[in-house]
Protein backbone atom coordinates (compact mmCIF):
# COMPACT_ATOMS: atom_id res chain seq x y z
CA ARG A 1 -65.58 95.25 63.83
CA VAL A 2 -65.55 97.92 62.54
CA VAL A 3 -69.26 96.95 60.40
CA GLY A 4 -70.12 96.88 64.09
CA GLU A 5 -69.71 100.59 64.96
CA ALA A 6 -71.32 102.04 62.26
CA TYR A 7 -74.17 100.21 62.54
CA LEU A 8 -74.04 101.60 66.82
CA SER A 9 -73.29 105.30 65.81
CA GLY A 10 -76.31 105.17 63.36
CA ALA A 11 -73.87 106.01 60.42
CA VAL A 12 -75.53 102.11 59.31
CA SER A 13 -78.78 101.60 59.10
CA ASP A 14 -81.06 98.29 58.30
CA ALA A 15 -83.02 99.87 55.66
CA ASP A 16 -79.59 100.83 54.14
CA VAL A 17 -78.53 97.08 53.65
CA GLU A 18 -82.08 95.72 53.18
CA GLY A 19 -82.45 97.83 50.51
CA ASP A 20 -85.77 99.41 51.33
CA VAL A 21 -84.56 103.30 50.62
CA ASP A 22 -86.34 105.80 48.09
CA THR A 23 -84.91 104.89 45.05
CA ASP A 24 -86.30 108.00 43.20
CA ALA A 25 -85.10 110.27 46.05
CA GLU A 26 -81.14 108.60 45.23
CA GLU A 27 -82.21 109.86 41.57
CA ARG A 28 -83.01 113.71 42.93
CA LYS A 29 -80.62 113.87 45.53
CA ARG A 30 -77.95 112.65 42.39
CA ARG A 31 -79.72 115.46 40.03
CA VAL A 32 -79.00 118.10 42.42
CA ASP A 33 -75.97 116.93 43.97
CA ALA A 34 -74.59 116.81 39.70
CA GLU A 35 -76.56 120.39 38.93
CA VAL A 36 -74.40 121.88 42.29
CA LEU A 37 -71.21 120.53 41.17
CA ALA A 38 -71.70 121.76 38.03
CA ASP A 39 -72.46 125.81 38.76
CA PHE A 40 -69.48 124.96 40.88
CA ALA A 41 -67.04 124.10 37.40
CA ARG A 42 -67.84 127.36 36.20
CA ARG A 43 -67.16 129.77 38.51
CA VAL A 44 -64.44 128.68 39.36
CA ASP A 45 -60.86 130.52 39.13
CA ARG A 46 -59.28 127.90 36.73
CA SER A 47 -55.80 129.67 36.01
CA ARG A 48 -56.02 129.66 39.16
CA PHE A 49 -54.40 125.91 39.65
CA ALA A 50 -52.65 126.04 35.59
CA ARG A 51 -49.66 123.93 36.03
CA LYS A 52 -46.20 125.63 34.20
CA ALA A 53 -44.97 124.31 31.73
CA GLY A 54 -41.50 124.26 33.83
CA ASP A 55 -42.26 123.11 36.69
CA GLY A 56 -40.22 119.35 36.25
CA TRP A 57 -44.19 117.62 36.31
CA SER A 58 -43.87 114.59 34.19
CA PRO A 59 -46.42 111.85 34.06
CA SER A 60 -42.81 109.08 34.53
CA LYS A 61 -42.02 111.10 38.04
CA VAL A 62 -45.38 111.19 39.53
CA PHE A 63 -44.98 106.94 39.24
CA GLU A 64 -41.89 106.99 40.49
CA LEU A 65 -43.01 109.38 43.12
CA TYR A 66 -46.23 106.62 44.27
CA ALA A 67 -43.85 103.43 44.09
CA GLU A 68 -41.42 105.18 46.52
CA SER A 69 -44.41 106.09 48.63
CA ALA A 70 -46.78 102.46 48.25
CA SER A 71 -42.74 100.56 49.37
CA ARG A 72 -41.63 103.08 51.84
CA GLY A 73 -44.86 104.59 53.30
CA GLU A 74 -46.57 108.00 54.17
CA PHE A 75 -47.46 107.80 57.87
CA HIS A 76 -47.28 104.69 60.63
CA VAL A 77 -49.76 105.88 63.63
CA THR A 78 -50.63 104.72 66.65
CA ARG A 79 -53.88 105.36 68.81
CA ASP A 80 -55.45 104.44 71.78
CA VAL A 81 -58.83 105.40 71.71
CA GLU A 82 -61.39 104.12 74.66
CA ASN A 83 -64.89 103.25 73.96
CA THR A 84 -66.88 106.20 76.71
CA THR A 85 -69.46 103.55 76.93
CA SER A 86 -67.80 99.88 77.76
CA GLY A 87 -64.70 101.89 78.65
CA ASP A 88 -62.88 99.18 76.77
CA VAL A 89 -59.71 101.08 75.05
CA LEU A 90 -58.65 100.37 71.69
CA ARG A 91 -55.60 100.38 69.70
CA ARG A 92 -56.16 101.77 66.42
CA THR A 93 -54.11 102.09 63.62
CA TYR A 94 -53.83 104.30 60.42
CA PHE A 95 -50.90 103.73 57.97
CA HIS A 96 -50.33 104.11 53.35
CA GLY A 97 -48.12 102.85 51.91
CA GLY A 98 -45.36 100.38 52.86
CA ILE A 99 -45.74 97.79 51.16
CA ASP A 100 -43.60 94.53 50.83
CA TRP A 101 -44.01 93.63 46.94
CA ARG A 102 -42.66 90.23 47.07
CA ALA A 103 -45.30 89.09 49.67
CA VAL A 104 -47.09 90.36 47.31
CA PRO A 105 -47.98 87.08 44.34
CA SER A 106 -48.48 88.77 41.00
CA CYS A 107 -45.31 91.04 41.27
CA VAL A 108 -43.42 88.68 41.64
CA ARG A 109 -41.05 86.71 38.71
CA ARG A 110 -41.20 83.46 38.95
CA ARG A 111 -38.17 82.22 37.27
């Protein structure tokens, strides 16, 4: 369904799928993007993003927060969206996290 919507919106063209793309143009775009990013990195004041040594950060604390977020979830939103061309109402659900680790075979220890 998402792929179909991408085709209808024009986000994906047949050329993207069939490989009829100009690889030289793609390479030039990658090079220009890399130059723009490098220029930005040279100009940005990195001291604004420096972390203070006594802020309580630790790799284990970050992992604990990550594991809690993945298990409990951060958000779960459901919205009804109307397709203006067909009049159909689609229910869209967006969520992050909330994994039941017991249902993931590689996370369950067999005794």
